[in-house]
Amino acid sequence: MKIDILSLFPSMFDGFLHESIIKRAITMGKVEVNIHNFRDYSLDPHQKVDDYGFGGGPGMVLMPQPIFDAIDDIKTDDCKIILLTPQGVTYNQKMAYDLSKEKHLIFICGHYEGFDERIRSLADLEISIGDFILTGGEIPSMAIADSIIRLLDGVIEKDSSTEESFNNNLLDYPVYTRPASYRGMDVPEVLLSGHHANIMAWRHDEQIKRTKERRPDLLERDD
């Protein structure tokens, strides 16, 4: 998979690309991640990428030219272009699985007060990571890229990605490690029994119980 991210602040991705599972996936050749400063595509002598919006209003708005030219330069026939915006569809695990099957993803990170409306015409998909406002699309792009990269074959153990929260619209079951008793809190006996079928049944029951208590909305979904 190839991922290209358009951003005004490439250095924000330094830690993201050089630590933990993402670094390992890149080293293994499972994914190629490129960060593009779309300021480099500005035709302005001072690399200006924003301007005041027509009709007035607060803040500066990203101009279309640098982003259009950047996309023209890096897009491929099989790429999917994603615009990160609070107005997009709310991201979830099913979308992560779907996007992990793509060959080439391009993320456009907004900034400032917003972006020229014509930039929307570039996007195949608009995504939001929640009903709150961030200063830009960099953190959402990292969160989404992380959720996708970890699903690529060979990046993590297959069981780790299939037995976790949001699969089948259920939260994950409780997990415990040694010691079996700590500060008066004991590991459930079933987990110490060695009876695989009973353990699996307990885990499924706990998933349903936890989801009903914490995220009942998940049980109402049919996706």
C-alpha atoms as a PDB file:
ATOM      1  CA  MET A   1       0.000   0.000   0.000  1.00  0.00           C
ATOM      2  CA  LYS A   2       1.039   3.570  -0.654  1.00  0.00           C
ATOM      3  CA  ILE A   3      -0.147   6.499   1.465  1.00  0.00           C
ATOM      4  CA  ASP A   4       0.477  10.144   0.546  1.00  0.00           C
ATOM      5  CA  ILE A   5      -0.403  12.874   3.039  1.00  0.00           C
ATOM      6  CA  LEU A   6      -0.683  16.542   2.073  1.00  0.00           C
ATOM      7  CA  SER A   7       0.128  18.796   5.012  1.00  0.00           C
ATOM      8  CA  LEU A   8       1.507  22.211   5.884  1.00  0.00           C
ATOM      9  CA  PHE A   9       3.402  20.742   8.842  1.00  0.00           C
ATOM     10  CA  PRO A  10       5.397  17.664   7.743  1.00  0.00           C
ATOM     11  CA  SER A  11       7.505  17.604  10.914  1.00  0.00           C
ATOM     12  CA  MET A  12       4.403  16.646  12.903  1.00  0.00           C
ATOM     13  CA  PHE A  13       4.732  13.170  11.368  1.00  0.00           C
ATOM     14  CA  ASP A  14       8.327  12.508  12.472  1.00  0.00           C
ATOM     15  CA  GLY A  15       7.450  10.479  15.549  1.00  0.00           C
ATOM     16  CA  PHE A  16       4.514   8.786  13.855  1.00  0.00           C
ATOM     17  CA  LEU A  17       6.684   7.398  11.045  1.00  0.00           C
ATOM     18  CA  HIS A  18       9.670   6.386  13.132  1.00  0.00           C
ATOM     19  CA  GLU A  19       8.180   4.564  16.113  1.00  0.00           C
ATOM     20  CA  SER A  20       6.405   1.322  16.933  1.00  0.00           C
ATOM     21  CA  ILE A  21       4.248  -0.649  14.487  1.00  0.00           C
ATOM     22  CA  ILE A  22       4.193   2.037  11.784  1.00  0.00           C
ATOM     23  CA  LYS A  23       7.984   2.081  11.578  1.00  0.00           C
ATOM     24  CA  ARG A  24       8.027  -1.723  11.427  1.00  0.00           C
ATOM     25  CA  ALA A  25       5.427  -1.819   8.653  1.00  0.00           C
ATOM     26  CA  ILE A  26       7.464   0.654   6.607  1.00  0.00           C
ATOM     27  CA  THR A  27      10.695  -1.264   7.223  1.00  0.00           C
ATOM     28  CA  MET A  28       8.996  -4.518   6.198  1.00  0.00           C
ATOM     29  CA  GLY A  29       7.854  -2.923   2.951  1.00  0.00           C
ATOM     30  CA  LYS A  30       4.174  -3.365   3.802  1.00  0.00           C
ATOM     31  CA  VAL A  31       3.446   0.328   3.295  1.00  0.00           C
ATOM     32  CA  GLU A  32       5.065   3.397   1.792  1.00  0.00           C
ATOM     33  CA  VAL A  33       4.170   6.673   3.490  1.00  0.00           C
ATOM     34  CA  ASN A  34       5.067  10.022   1.944  1.00  0.00           C
ATOM     35  CA  ILE A  35       4.438  13.422   3.508  1.00  0.00           C
ATOM     36  CA  HIS A  36       4.062  16.324   1.064  1.00  0.00           C
ATOM     37  CA  ASN A  37       4.186  19.967   2.068  1.00  0.00           C
ATOM     38  CA  PHE A  38       1.678  21.484  -0.330  1.00  0.00           C
ATOM     39  CA  ARG A  39       3.267  24.867   0.332  1.00  0.00           C
ATOM     40  CA  ASP A  40       5.926  23.614  -2.107  1.00  0.00           C
ATOM     41  CA  TYR A  41       3.312  23.790  -4.866  1.00  0.00           C
ATOM     42  CA  SER A  42       2.372  27.417  -4.256  1.00  0.00           C
ATOM     43  CA  LEU A  43       2.946  29.784  -7.160  1.00  0.00           C
ATOM     44  CA  ASP A  44       3.318  32.703  -4.762  1.00  0.00           C
ATOM     45  CA  PRO A  45       6.899  34.021  -4.308  1.00  0.00           C
ATOM     46  CA  HIS A  46       6.462  33.616  -0.538  1.00  0.00           C
ATOM     47  CA  GLN A  47       4.781  30.194  -0.830  1.00  0.00           C
ATOM     48  CA  LYS A  48       1.480  31.582   0.378  1.00  0.00           C
ATOM     49  CA  VAL A  49      -1.302  28.997   0.469  1.00  0.00           C
ATOM     50  CA  ASP A  50      -4.155  30.861   2.163  1.00  0.00           C
ATOM     51  CA  ASP A  51      -6.182  34.019   1.689  1.00  0.00           C
ATOM     52  CA  TYR A  52      -9.234  35.829   3.056  1.00  0.00           C
ATOM     53  CA  GLY A  53     -12.555  34.322   2.105  1.00  0.00           C
ATOM     54  CA  PHE A  54     -14.905  36.124  -0.271  1.00  0.00           C
ATOM     55  CA  GLY A  55     -17.782  37.714   1.594  1.00  0.00           C
ATOM     56  CA  GLY A  56     -15.776  38.269   4.749  1.00  0.00           C
ATOM     57  CA  GLY A  57     -15.619  36.188   7.875  1.00  0.00           C
ATOM     58  CA  PRO A  58     -12.957  35.209  10.398  1.00  0.00           C
ATOM     59  CA  GLY A  59      -9.645  33.536   9.630  1.00  0.00           C
ATOM     60  CA  MET A  60      -7.806  32.501   6.509  1.00  0.00           C
ATOM     61  CA  VAL A  61      -8.931  29.946   3.937  1.00  0.00           C
ATOM     62  CA  LEU A  62      -6.735  27.487   2.039  1.00  0.00           C
ATOM     63  CA  MET A  63      -6.566  28.345  -1.650  1.00  0.00           C
ATOM     64  CA  PRO A  64      -7.295  25.687  -4.278  1.00  0.00           C
ATOM     65  CA  GLN A  65      -4.239  26.071  -6.539  1.00  0.00           C
ATOM     66  CA  PRO A  66      -1.508  24.508  -4.318  1.00  0.00           C
ATOM     67  CA  ILE A  67      -3.663  21.523  -3.390  1.00  0.00           C
ATOM     68  CA  PHE A  68      -4.945  20.908  -6.915  1.00  0.00           C
ATOM     69  CA  ASP A  69      -1.389  21.014  -8.273  1.00  0.00           C
ATOM     70  CA  ALA A  70      -0.126  18.705  -5.528  1.00  0.00           C
ATOM     71  CA  ILE A  71      -2.858  16.167  -6.286  1.00  0.00           C
ATOM     72  CA  ASP A  72      -2.136  16.382 -10.017  1.00  0.00           C
ATOM     73  CA  ASP A  73       1.495  15.564  -9.247  1.00  0.00           C
ATOM     74  CA  ILE A  74       1.007  12.531  -6.990  1.00  0.00           C
ATOM     75  CA  LYS A  75      -2.314  10.939  -7.952  1.00  0.00           C
ATOM     76  CA  THR A  76      -2.459   7.562  -9.691  1.00  0.00           C
ATOM     77  CA  ASP A  77      -5.198   5.782 -11.610  1.00  0.00           C
ATOM     78  CA  ASP A  78      -6.147   3.639  -8.616  1.00  0.00           C
ATOM     79  CA  CYS A  79      -5.815   6.191  -5.822  1.00  0.00           C
ATOM     80  CA  LYS A  80      -8.579   7.160  -3.390  1.00  0.00           C
ATOM     81  CA  ILE A  81      -8.446  10.775  -2.238  1.00  0.00           C
ATOM     82  CA  ILE A  82      -9.668  11.513   1.280  1.00  0.00           C
ATOM     83  CA  LEU A  83     -10.424  14.971   2.622  1.00  0.00           C
ATOM     84  CA  LEU A  84     -10.217  15.288   6.407  1.00  0.00           C
ATOM     85  CA  THR A  85     -12.981  17.589   7.601  1.00  0.00           C
ATOM     86  CA  PRO A  86     -15.467  17.870  10.498  1.00  0.00           C
ATOM     87  CA  GLN A  87     -18.200  17.725   7.844  1.00  0.00           C
ATOM     88  CA  GLY A  88     -17.187  14.241   6.707  1.00  0.00           C
ATOM     89  CA  VAL A  89     -18.693  10.878   7.630  1.00  0.00           C
ATOM     90  CA  THR A  90     -17.667   9.648  11.054  1.00  0.00           C
ATOM     91  CA  TYR A  91     -14.814   7.154  10.848  1.00  0.00           C
ATOM     92  CA  ASN A  92     -15.215   3.621  12.173  1.00  0.00           C
ATOM     93  CA  GLN A  93     -13.555   0.213  12.096  1.00  0.00           C
ATOM     94  CA  LYS A  94     -15.484  -1.007   9.070  1.00  0.00           C
ATOM     95  CA  MET A  95     -14.114   1.916   7.080  1.00  0.00           C
ATOM     96  CA  ALA A  96     -10.623   1.018   8.279  1.00  0.00           C
ATOM     97  CA  TYR A  97     -11.041  -2.523   6.910  1.00  0.00           C
ATOM     98  CA  ASP A  98     -12.400  -1.223   3.610  1.00  0.00           C
ATOM     99  CA  LEU A  99      -9.600   1.310   3.157  1.00  0.00           C
ATOM    100  CA  SER A 100      -6.946  -1.285   4.023  1.00  0.00           C
ATOM    101  CA  LYS A 101      -7.845  -3.015   0.744  1.00  0.00           C
ATOM    102  CA  GLU A 102      -6.957   0.043  -1.345  1.00  0.00           C
ATOM    103  CA  LYS A 103      -3.644   0.291  -3.201  1.00  0.00           C
ATOM    104  CA  HIS A 104      -3.095   4.030  -2.878  1.00  0.00           C
ATOM    105  CA  LEU A 105      -4.579   6.535  -0.442  1.00  0.00           C
ATOM    106  CA  ILE A 106      -4.107  10.301  -0.481  1.00  0.00           C
ATOM    107  CA  PHE A 107      -5.059  12.352   2.587  1.00  0.00           C
ATOM    108  CA  ILE A 108      -5.608  16.107   2.398  1.00  0.00           C
ATOM    109  CA  CYS A 109      -5.088  17.828   5.752  1.00  0.00           C
ATOM    110  CA  GLY A 110      -7.006  21.061   6.109  1.00  0.00           C
ATOM    111  CA  HIS A 111      -5.858  23.934   8.290  1.00  0.00           C
ATOM    112  CA  TYR A 112      -6.674  27.509   9.296  1.00  0.00           C
ATOM    113  CA  GLU A 113     -10.349  28.486   9.046  1.00  0.00           C
ATOM    114  CA  GLY A 114     -11.104  25.964   6.312  1.00  0.00           C
ATOM    115  CA  PHE A 115     -10.523  25.355   2.635  1.00  0.00           C
ATOM    116  CA  ASP A 116     -11.888  26.682  -0.622  1.00  0.00           C
ATOM    117  CA  GLU A 117     -15.076  24.760  -1.407  1.00  0.00           C
ATOM    118  CA  ARG A 118     -13.731  23.747  -4.812  1.00  0.00           C
ATOM    119  CA  ILE A 119     -11.157  21.511  -3.108  1.00  0.00           C
ATOM    120  CA  ARG A 120     -14.041  19.170  -2.249  1.00  0.00           C
ATOM    121  CA  SER A 121     -14.277  18.243  -5.926  1.00  0.00           C
ATOM    122  CA  LEU A 122     -10.970  16.383  -5.576  1.00  0.00           C
ATOM    123  CA  ALA A 123     -12.154  14.050  -2.839  1.00  0.00           C
ATOM    124  CA  ASP A 124     -13.585  10.567  -3.235  1.00  0.00           C
ATOM    125  CA  LEU A 125     -14.439  10.532   0.453  1.00  0.00           C
ATOM    126  CA  GLU A 126     -14.695  13.068   3.292  1.00  0.00           C
ATOM    127  CA  ILE A 127     -13.927  11.769   6.770  1.00  0.00           C
ATOM    128  CA  SER A 128     -14.284  13.101  10.318  1.00  0.00           C
ATOM    129  CA  ILE A 129     -12.884  11.353  13.381  1.00  0.00           C
ATOM    130  CA  GLY A 130     -15.519  12.806  15.683  1.00  0.00           C
ATOM    131  CA  ASP A 131     -17.760  15.722  16.547  1.00  0.00           C
ATOM    132  CA  PHE A 132     -15.040  18.084  17.712  1.00  0.00           C
ATOM    133  CA  ILE A 133     -12.680  20.589  16.077  1.00  0.00           C
ATOM    134  CA  LEU A 134      -8.909  20.268  15.782  1.00  0.00           C
ATOM    135  CA  THR A 135      -6.425  22.810  14.468  1.00  0.00           C
ATOM    136  CA  GLY A 136      -5.789  20.742  11.356  1.00  0.00           C
ATOM    137  CA  GLY A 137      -6.076  17.381   9.664  1.00  0.00           C
ATOM    138  CA  GLU A 138      -2.664  16.072  10.698  1.00  0.00           C
ATOM    139  CA  ILE A 139      -3.758  14.216  13.843  1.00  0.00           C
ATOM    140  CA  PRO A 140      -6.816  12.676  12.110  1.00  0.00           C
ATOM    141  CA  SER A 141      -4.641  11.553   9.197  1.00  0.00           C
ATOM    142  CA  MET A 142      -2.266   9.824  11.614  1.00  0.00           C
ATOM    143  CA  ALA A 143      -5.120   8.151  13.478  1.00  0.00           C
ATOM    144  CA  ILE A 144      -6.729   6.882  10.283  1.00  0.00           C
ATOM    145  CA  ALA A 145      -3.432   5.784   8.723  1.00  0.00           C
ATOM    146  CA  ASP A 146      -2.525   3.904  11.918  1.00  0.00           C
ATOM    147  CA  SER A 147      -5.879   2.095  11.964  1.00  0.00           C
ATOM    148  CA  ILE A 148      -5.376   1.043   8.326  1.00  0.00           C
ATOM    149  CA  ILE A 149      -1.693   0.086   8.394  1.00  0.00           C
ATOM    150  CA  ARG A 150      -2.121  -2.258  11.365  1.00  0.00           C
ATOM    151  CA  LEU A 151      -4.665  -4.240   9.306  1.00  0.00           C
ATOM    152  CA  LEU A 152      -2.277  -4.941   6.427  1.00  0.00           C
ATOM    153  CA  ASP A 153      -1.242  -8.580   6.124  1.00  0.00           C
ATOM    154  CA  GLY A 154       1.831  -9.365   8.188  1.00  0.00           C
ATOM    155  CA  VAL A 155       1.971  -6.101  10.137  1.00  0.00           C
ATOM    156  CA  ILE A 156       0.509  -7.574  13.341  1.00  0.00           C
ATOM    157  CA  GLU A 157      -0.637 -11.071  14.282  1.00  0.00           C
ATOM    158  CA  LYS A 158      -3.948 -11.869  12.606  1.00  0.00           C
ATOM    159  CA  ASP A 159      -5.649 -12.790  15.885  1.00  0.00           C
ATOM    160  CA  SER A 160      -4.739  -9.381  17.294  1.00  0.00           C
ATOM    161  CA  SER A 161      -6.796  -7.612  14.645  1.00  0.00           C
ATOM    162  CA  THR A 162      -9.759  -9.995  14.589  1.00  0.00           C
ATOM    163  CA  GLU A 163     -10.299 -10.220  18.353  1.00  0.00           C
ATOM    164  CA  GLU A 164     -10.629  -6.590  19.374  1.00  0.00           C
ATOM    165  CA  SER A 165     -13.139  -3.826  19.909  1.00  0.00           C
ATOM    166  CA  PHE A 166     -15.687  -2.925  17.198  1.00  0.00           C
ATOM    167  CA  ASN A 167     -15.493  -6.232  15.357  1.00  0.00           C
ATOM    168  CA  ASN A 168     -19.108  -7.416  15.018  1.00  0.00           C
ATOM    169  CA  ASN A 169     -20.141  -4.123  16.671  1.00  0.00           C
ATOM    170  CA  LEU A 170     -18.943  -5.327  20.071  1.00  0.00           C
ATOM    171  CA  LEU A 171     -16.371  -3.919  22.453  1.00  0.00           C
ATOM    172  CA  ASP A 172     -13.430  -6.104  23.422  1.00  0.00           C
ATOM    173  CA  TYR A 173     -13.631  -8.500  26.380  1.00  0.00           C
ATOM    174  CA  PRO A 174     -11.622  -7.920  29.610  1.00  0.00           C
ATOM    175  CA  VAL A 175      -8.078  -9.298  29.680  1.00  0.00           C
ATOM    176  CA  TYR A 176      -5.835 -10.133  32.644  1.00  0.00           C
ATOM    177  CA  THR A 177      -2.223 -11.100  33.257  1.00  0.00           C
ATOM    178  CA  ARG A 178      -0.117 -12.201  36.226  1.00  0.00           C
ATOM    179  CA  PRO A 179      -0.485 -12.128  39.197  1.00  0.00           C
ATOM    180  CA  ALA A 180      -3.796 -13.946  39.514  1.00  0.00           C
ATOM    181  CA  SER A 181      -4.621 -11.855  42.568  1.00  0.00           C
ATOM    182  CA  TYR A 182      -3.596  -8.215  43.021  1.00  0.00           C
ATOM    183  CA  ARG A 183      -4.713  -5.838  45.782  1.00  0.00           C
ATOM    184  CA  GLY A 184      -7.798  -7.916  46.427  1.00  0.00           C
ATOM    185  CA  MET A 185      -8.777  -8.099  42.767  1.00  0.00           C
ATOM    186  CA  ASP A 186      -8.815 -11.623  41.340  1.00  0.00           C
ATOM    187  CA  VAL A 187      -8.697 -12.947  37.811  1.00  0.00           C
ATOM    188  CA  PRO A 188     -12.007 -14.687  36.949  1.00  0.00           C
ATOM    189  CA  GLU A 189     -11.788 -18.424  37.651  1.00  0.00           C
ATOM    190  CA  VAL A 190     -12.875 -19.372  34.141  1.00  0.00           C
ATOM    191  CA  LEU A 191      -9.679 -17.861  32.708  1.00  0.00           C
ATOM    192  CA  LEU A 192      -7.610 -20.090  34.986  1.00  0.00           C
ATOM    193  CA  SER A 193      -9.563 -23.237  34.139  1.00  0.00           C
ATOM    194  CA  GLY A 194      -7.854 -24.089  30.850  1.00  0.00           C
ATOM    195  CA  HIS A 195     -11.263 -24.953  29.378  1.00  0.00           C
ATOM    196  CA  HIS A 196     -11.142 -23.290  25.968  1.00  0.00           C
ATOM    197  CA  ALA A 197     -14.858 -23.496  25.130  1.00  0.00           C
ATOM    198  CA  ASN A 198     -15.856 -22.024  28.503  1.00  0.00           C
ATOM    199  CA  ILE A 199     -13.318 -19.246  28.099  1.00  0.00           C
ATOM    200  CA  MET A 200     -14.636 -18.359  24.645  1.00  0.00           C
ATOM    201  CA  ALA A 201     -18.225 -18.331  25.904  1.00  0.00           C
ATOM    202  CA  TRP A 202     -17.254 -16.112  28.855  1.00  0.00           C
ATOM    203  CA  ARG A 203     -15.432 -13.693  26.592  1.00  0.00           C
ATOM    204  CA  HIS A 204     -18.404 -13.397  24.250  1.00  0.00           C
ATOM    205  CA  ASP A 205     -20.789 -12.812  27.153  1.00  0.00           C
ATOM    206  CA  GLU A 206     -18.458 -10.141  28.516  1.00  0.00           C
ATOM    207  CA  GLN A 207     -18.321  -8.427  25.125  1.00  0.00           C
ATOM    208  CA  ILE A 208     -22.094  -8.189  25.006  1.00  0.00           C
ATOM    209  CA  LYS A 209     -22.320  -7.062  28.635  1.00  0.00           C
ATOM    210  CA  ARG A 210     -19.630  -4.415  28.218  1.00  0.00           C
ATOM    211  CA  THR A 211     -21.131  -3.115  24.983  1.00  0.00           C
ATOM    212  CA  LYS A 212     -24.607  -2.829  26.534  1.00  0.00           C
ATOM    213  CA  GLU A 213     -23.151  -0.887  29.459  1.00  0.00           C
ATOM    214  CA  ARG A 214     -20.757   1.402  27.612  1.00  0.00           C
ATOM    215  CA  ARG A 215     -21.791   1.643  23.948  1.00  0.00           C
ATOM    216  CA  PRO A 216     -25.370   0.419  23.488  1.00  0.00           C
ATOM    217  CA  ASP A 217     -25.499   2.355  20.219  1.00  0.00           C
ATOM    218  CA  LEU A 218     -23.173  -0.234  18.666  1.00  0.00           C
ATOM    219  CA  LEU A 219     -25.750  -2.977  19.145  1.00  0.00           C
ATOM    220  CA  GLU A 220     -28.253  -0.992  17.081  1.00  0.00           C
ATOM    221  CA  ARG A 221     -26.020  -0.888  14.014  1.00  0.00           C
ATOM    222  CA  ASP A 222     -26.552  -3.220  11.090  1.00  0.00           C
ATOM    223  CA  ASP A 223     -23.234  -2.555   9.283  1.00  0.00           C
END
